[in-house]
Protein backbone atom coordinates (compact mmCIF):
# COMPACT_ATOMS: atom_id res chain seq x y z
CA MET A 1 16.86 69.92 -63.42
CA LEU A 2 16.47 66.27 -62.54
CA SER A 3 18.58 64.42 -59.40
CA SER A 4 19.42 61.34 -59.45
CA VAL A 5 18.48 59.92 -56.05
CA ALA A 6 20.20 56.51 -55.21
CA PRO A 7 17.88 53.94 -53.74
CA PRO A 8 18.85 52.88 -50.06
CA ARG A 9 20.88 50.49 -49.15
CA ARG A 10 19.39 47.03 -48.32
CA VAL A 11 21.19 46.03 -45.18
CA ALA A 12 21.84 42.83 -45.34
CA GLU A 13 19.90 40.59 -42.85
CA PRO A 14 22.02 38.72 -39.95
CA ARG A 15 21.90 35.24 -40.33
CA PHE A 16 23.57 32.03 -37.98
CA LEU A 17 24.38 28.89 -38.82
CA SER A 18 22.23 26.39 -37.48
CA VAL A 19 23.71 22.66 -36.87
CA VAL A 20 21.07 20.14 -38.43
CA ARG A 21 22.27 16.25 -37.66
CA LYS A 22 20.81 13.43 -40.40
CA PRO A 23 21.26 9.85 -39.88
CA SER A 24 23.25 8.76 -42.72
CA GLN A 25 25.98 11.77 -42.26
CA PRO A 26 28.85 10.83 -39.39
CA TRP A 27 28.87 14.91 -38.59
CA PRO A 28 25.76 17.94 -38.67
CA SER A 29 25.56 19.47 -41.41
CA LEU A 30 24.66 23.59 -41.54
CA SER A 31 21.95 25.74 -42.77
CA VAL A 32 21.68 29.35 -42.54
CA VAL A 33 18.97 30.83 -40.32
CA PRO A 34 17.79 34.63 -39.81
CA LYS A 35 18.67 36.36 -36.59
CA ARG A 36 14.90 37.27 -36.25
CA ALA A 37 13.66 33.28 -36.56
CA GLN A 38 15.74 32.33 -33.43
CA PRO A 39 12.49 31.20 -30.94
CA TRP A 40 15.00 32.91 -27.60
CA PRO A 41 16.66 36.27 -28.80
CA PHE A 42 19.43 35.60 -25.65
CA LEU A 43 20.39 32.16 -26.51
CA SER A 44 23.19 32.31 -28.92
CA VAL A 45 23.81 29.98 -32.03
CA VAL A 46 26.96 27.28 -31.37
CA PRO A 47 29.56 28.58 -34.33
CA LEU A 48 31.16 26.23 -36.21
CA SER A 49 34.78 26.23 -37.67
CA PHE A 50 36.62 23.53 -40.00
CA VAL A 51 39.58 21.77 -39.28
CA PRO A 52 41.29 19.51 -42.26
CA LYS A 53 41.44 15.78 -41.18
CA CYS A 54 42.10 12.88 -43.54
CA GLY A 55 41.79 15.23 -47.01
CA GLN A 56 38.09 16.54 -45.60
CA LEU A 57 37.03 19.49 -43.38
CA LEU A 58 34.96 17.99 -40.72
CA PRO A 59 33.33 20.76 -38.86
CA VAL A 60 34.11 21.34 -34.99
CA ILE A 61 31.71 22.79 -32.49
CA ARG A 62 32.85 26.08 -30.26
CA PRO A 63 30.47 26.60 -27.46
CA VAL A 64 29.68 30.39 -26.87
CA ARG A 65 28.70 31.75 -23.19
CA GLN A 66 26.22 34.35 -23.32
CA SER A 67 24.64 35.82 -20.50
CA LEU A 68 20.96 35.89 -19.82
CA PRO A 69 18.91 39.12 -19.89
CA PRO A 70 18.76 40.34 -15.71
CA PHE A 71 15.24 40.32 -15.66
CA PHE A 72 15.03 36.73 -16.81
CA CYS A 73 17.47 35.80 -14.25
CA LEU A 74 15.47 37.85 -11.49
CA VAL A 75 12.20 35.81 -12.44
CA ALA A 76 14.02 32.49 -12.60
CA GLY A 77 15.21 32.89 -8.97
CA LEU A 78 12.30 33.79 -7.37
CA VAL A 79 10.31 30.82 -9.33
CA LEU A 80 13.02 28.32 -7.97
CA ALA A 81 13.33 29.81 -4.53
CA VAL A 82 9.55 30.46 -3.45
CA PRO A 83 8.84 26.68 -3.58
CA GLN A 84 11.67 26.18 -1.35
CA ILE A 85 10.89 28.61 1.47
CA ALA A 86 7.21 27.08 1.11
CA LEU A 87 8.19 23.65 1.44
CA ALA A 88 10.47 24.37 4.19
CA GLN A 89 7.53 26.05 6.18
CA GLN A 90 4.74 23.26 5.43
CA VAL A 91 6.88 20.42 5.86
CA PRO A 92 6.90 19.16 9.72
CA SER A 93 9.95 17.97 11.21
CA THR A 94 8.81 14.39 12.22
CA VAL A 95 6.08 12.47 9.99
CA THR A 96 3.81 10.31 11.92
CA THR A 97 1.85 7.53 9.59
CA ILE A 98 -1.72 7.67 11.39
CA GLU A 99 -3.38 5.08 8.40
CA HIS A 100 -2.40 2.83 5.66
CA ILE A 101 -3.00 -0.32 4.02
CA VAL A 102 -1.23 -3.28 5.86
CA ALA A 103 -2.66 -6.45 3.70
CA VAL A 104 -5.42 -6.86 0.61
CA VAL A 105 -7.56 -9.83 1.49
CA ASP A 106 -9.52 -11.19 -1.91
CA GLY A 107 -9.14 -7.12 -2.72
CA ARG A 108 -10.33 -6.31 0.60
CA PRO A 109 -8.06 -3.96 2.18
CA LEU A 110 -6.72 -4.45 6.08
CA LEU A 111 -5.96 -1.05 7.41
CA LEU A 112 -3.20 -0.18 10.55
CA SER A 113 -5.86 0.89 12.08
CA ASP A 114 -7.98 -2.57 12.25
CA VAL A 115 -4.55 -4.48 13.38
CA ARG A 116 -4.05 -1.85 16.09
CA ALA A 117 -7.37 -2.65 17.58
CA MET A 118 -7.16 -6.20 17.29
CA GLU A 119 -3.83 -5.87 19.14
CA ARG A 120 -5.69 -3.80 22.03
CA VAL A 121 -8.58 -6.27 22.10
CA ARG A 122 -6.69 -9.55 21.99
CA GLY A 123 -3.69 -8.77 23.34
CA LEU A 124 -1.52 -10.05 20.85
CA ALA A 125 2.00 -8.55 19.11
CA GLU A 126 1.37 -6.42 15.88
CA GLU A 127 3.05 -9.49 13.73
CA ALA A 128 0.26 -11.69 15.14
CA ALA A 129 -2.40 -9.48 15.56
CA LEU A 130 -2.39 -9.01 11.50
CA GLU A 131 -2.25 -12.98 11.03
CA ALA A 132 -5.33 -13.37 13.37
CA LEU A 133 -7.11 -10.61 11.66
CA VAL A 134 -6.52 -12.09 8.18
CA ASP A 135 -7.89 -15.30 9.29
CA GLU A 136 -10.55 -14.07 10.93
CA ARG A 137 -11.67 -12.19 7.82
CA LEU A 138 -11.43 -14.98 5.50
CA MET A 139 -13.78 -16.83 8.16
CA TYR A 140 -15.98 -14.03 8.38
CA LEU A 141 -16.45 -13.42 4.90
CA GLU A 142 -17.05 -17.22 4.40
CA ALA A 143 -19.69 -16.68 7.29
CA SER A 144 -21.18 -13.77 5.97
CA ARG A 145 -22.96 -15.99 3.25
CA LEU A 146 -25.04 -18.26 5.47
CA PRO A 147 -28.20 -16.43 6.91
CA GLN A 148 -28.10 -18.55 10.16
CA ALA A 149 -24.66 -16.07 10.69
CA ASP A 150 -26.42 -13.14 10.38
CA VAL A 151 -25.94 -10.91 13.69
CA LEU A 152 -28.26 -8.51 15.15
CA ALA A 153 -27.06 -4.94 16.91
CA GLU A 154 -28.26 -5.66 19.85
CA GLU A 155 -26.01 -8.94 20.21
CA GLU A 156 -23.17 -6.84 19.32
CA GLU A 157 -24.14 -3.83 22.00
CA ARG A 158 -24.77 -7.20 24.89
CA ALA A 159 -21.26 -8.64 23.54
CA ALA A 160 -19.20 -5.58 23.92
CA GLY A 161 -20.95 -4.61 27.03
CA GLU A 162 -19.89 -7.77 28.56
CA ILE A 163 -15.91 -7.20 27.47
CA LEU A 164 -15.84 -3.71 28.82
CA GLU A 165 -17.14 -5.05 32.12
CA ARG A 166 -14.41 -7.38 32.16
CA ARG A 167 -11.51 -4.99 30.95
CA PRO A 168 -12.70 -1.57 31.56
CA SER A 169 -9.43 -0.06 30.25
CA LEU A 170 -10.48 -0.71 26.79
CA ARG A 171 -12.73 2.30 26.57
CA GLU A 172 -9.48 4.25 26.69
CA LEU A 173 -7.82 2.24 24.18
CA VAL A 174 -10.04 0.96 21.39
CA SER A 175 -13.16 2.88 20.01
CA ALA A 176 -16.68 1.56 20.40
CA GLU A 177 -16.91 1.37 16.76
CA ASP A 178 -13.91 -0.87 16.28
CA LEU A 179 -15.21 -3.20 19.39
CA ARG A 180 -18.29 -4.01 18.06
CA ARG A 181 -16.82 -4.52 14.26
CA ILE A 182 -14.82 -7.15 15.82
CA VAL A 183 -17.21 -8.53 18.43
CA GLY A 184 -19.46 -8.77 15.45
CA ARG A 185 -17.34 -10.36 13.51
CA GLN A 186 -16.50 -12.91 16.22
CA ILE A 187 -20.39 -13.47 16.66
CA ALA A 188 -20.73 -14.17 12.81
CA ILE A 189 -17.82 -16.75 12.75
CA LEU A 190 -19.14 -18.88 15.93
CA LYS A 191 -22.50 -19.07 15.00
CA TYR A 192 -21.41 -20.53 11.34
CA VAL A 193 -18.97 -22.93 13.50
CA GLU A 194 -21.79 -23.92 15.63
CA PHE A 195 -24.51 -24.36 12.53
CA ARG A 196 -21.95 -26.23 10.28
CA PHE A 197 -18.89 -27.95 12.35
CA ARG A 198 -21.18 -29.06 15.69
CA PRO A 199 -23.53 -31.56 14.46
CA GLN A 200 -20.42 -33.38 12.49
CA LEU A 201 -18.78 -33.76 15.70
CA ARG A 202 -19.05 -37.89 17.05
CA VAL A 203 -17.46 -38.60 20.14
CA SER A 204 -17.54 -41.90 20.82
CA ASP A 205 -17.79 -43.67 24.56
CA GLN A 206 -15.31 -45.63 23.84
CA ASP A 207 -13.14 -42.67 23.16
CA VAL A 208 -14.54 -40.98 26.21
CA ARG A 209 -13.63 -43.85 28.31
CA ALA A 210 -10.00 -44.33 26.99
CA ALA A 211 -9.37 -40.50 27.43
CA PHE A 212 -10.80 -40.84 31.58
CA GLU A 213 -8.23 -43.40 31.62
CA ALA A 214 -5.48 -41.83 30.27
CA ASP A 215 -6.02 -38.77 32.32
CA PRO A 216 -4.99 -38.79 35.66
CA SER A 217 -6.63 -35.62 36.95
CA ALA A 218 -9.79 -36.88 35.70
CA GLY A 219 -10.78 -38.25 39.16
CA ASP A 220 -12.09 -41.48 39.90
CA SER A 221 -15.49 -41.53 39.16
CA TRP A 222 -16.53 -42.50 36.11
CA GLU A 223 -19.99 -41.41 36.01
CA ALA A 224 -18.93 -37.76 37.50
CA ALA A 225 -16.14 -37.46 34.86
CA LYS A 226 -17.64 -38.78 31.69
CA GLN A 227 -19.39 -35.33 30.82
CA ARG A 228 -16.69 -33.59 31.26
CA VAL A 229 -14.31 -35.70 29.31
CA ARG A 230 -16.66 -35.84 26.36
CA GLU A 231 -16.65 -32.27 26.04
CA ARG A 232 -13.07 -31.49 26.52
CA LEU A 233 -12.55 -34.08 23.32
CA GLU A 234 -15.34 -32.18 21.22
CA ARG A 235 -13.56 -29.07 21.68
CA ARG A 236 -10.30 -30.79 20.83
CA ALA A 237 -11.92 -31.98 18.08
CA LEU A 238 -13.79 -28.63 17.09
CA ASP A 239 -10.81 -26.85 17.15
CA GLU A 240 -8.90 -29.02 15.04
CA ARG A 241 -11.66 -28.79 12.27
CA ILE A 242 -11.29 -25.27 12.65
CA GLU A 243 -7.98 -25.13 11.96
CA ALA A 244 -8.29 -27.58 9.11
CA TRP A 245 -10.93 -24.99 7.86
CA VAL A 246 -8.90 -21.93 7.96
CA ARG A 247 -5.94 -23.79 6.34
CA GLU A 248 -8.60 -24.60 3.47
CA LEU A 249 -9.46 -20.81 3.40
CA ARG A 250 -5.69 -19.52 3.43
CA ALA A 251 -5.01 -22.03 0.46
CA ARG A 252 -7.71 -20.47 -2.16
CA ALA A 253 -7.54 -16.89 -1.14
CA ASP A 254 -5.99 -14.02 -2.49
CA VAL A 255 -3.35 -12.55 0.73
CA ARG A 256 -1.24 -9.59 -0.23
CA TYR A 257 0.57 -8.21 1.91
CA VAL A 258 1.93 -4.51 2.07
CA GLY A 259 5.57 -3.66 2.43
CA ARG A 260 6.02 -7.61 3.89
CA ALA A 261 6.34 -9.92 1.74
CA ALA A 262 7.64 -13.04 4.23
CA ALA A 263 4.15 -13.22 5.82
CA ALA A 264 1.95 -14.01 2.43
CA ASP A 265 3.31 -17.67 2.60
CA THR A 266 2.61 -17.86 6.18
CA PRO A 267 0.05 -20.89 6.70
């Protein structure tokens, strides 16, 4: 006896509405997506309902709140909490700036430590030390192209030793390396000035005589005072020539201050 077995009923796969927006439509269109195709099972699809308006059925999105699985909430809480705990343990209460770039001169950086060393060696304020360091760097870059301005290590050591003899407190304020670096640049600049500008100085006897007569403190003896007056006039002329040289260097240099724009136009 044959028995008829009814075929198993196929259960309809649950489907959900998905929102697809097209540029040409004023509202989203609808598509049916199987539940198993959802990328995250715990996320619900936003349901839609239709309301009549102006003779048309317009879709209205009604959000649905669905709680996340407990395991996902636990993992997310740990991920968010651990960086905060580590950050609180690692970041100190106070931050001290040790080193950073304060200016860039023709593509070469000037560091905060260079400014600090200039302050202590020359007894300048921070702003004045920075400007003096920029001028010195420009002069040194120009002087270093001249072979006659080369500085020997013995010259640096001797000059640094003489400075420390006059100012022993610098041993605690400036490192020996920074002091030799400053002294080396200044020696190179002096050699360059003596080689290039000193021979160009011309002080006539008439200028010396006029300066002697105009200076009451020069004394009564012309023969005794004329050499001293001449040297003073030569130093003044040399200083003026150096100032003009620095202005020329500044005019054609690319000096950029980091965090301070006002000093960029300083002559």
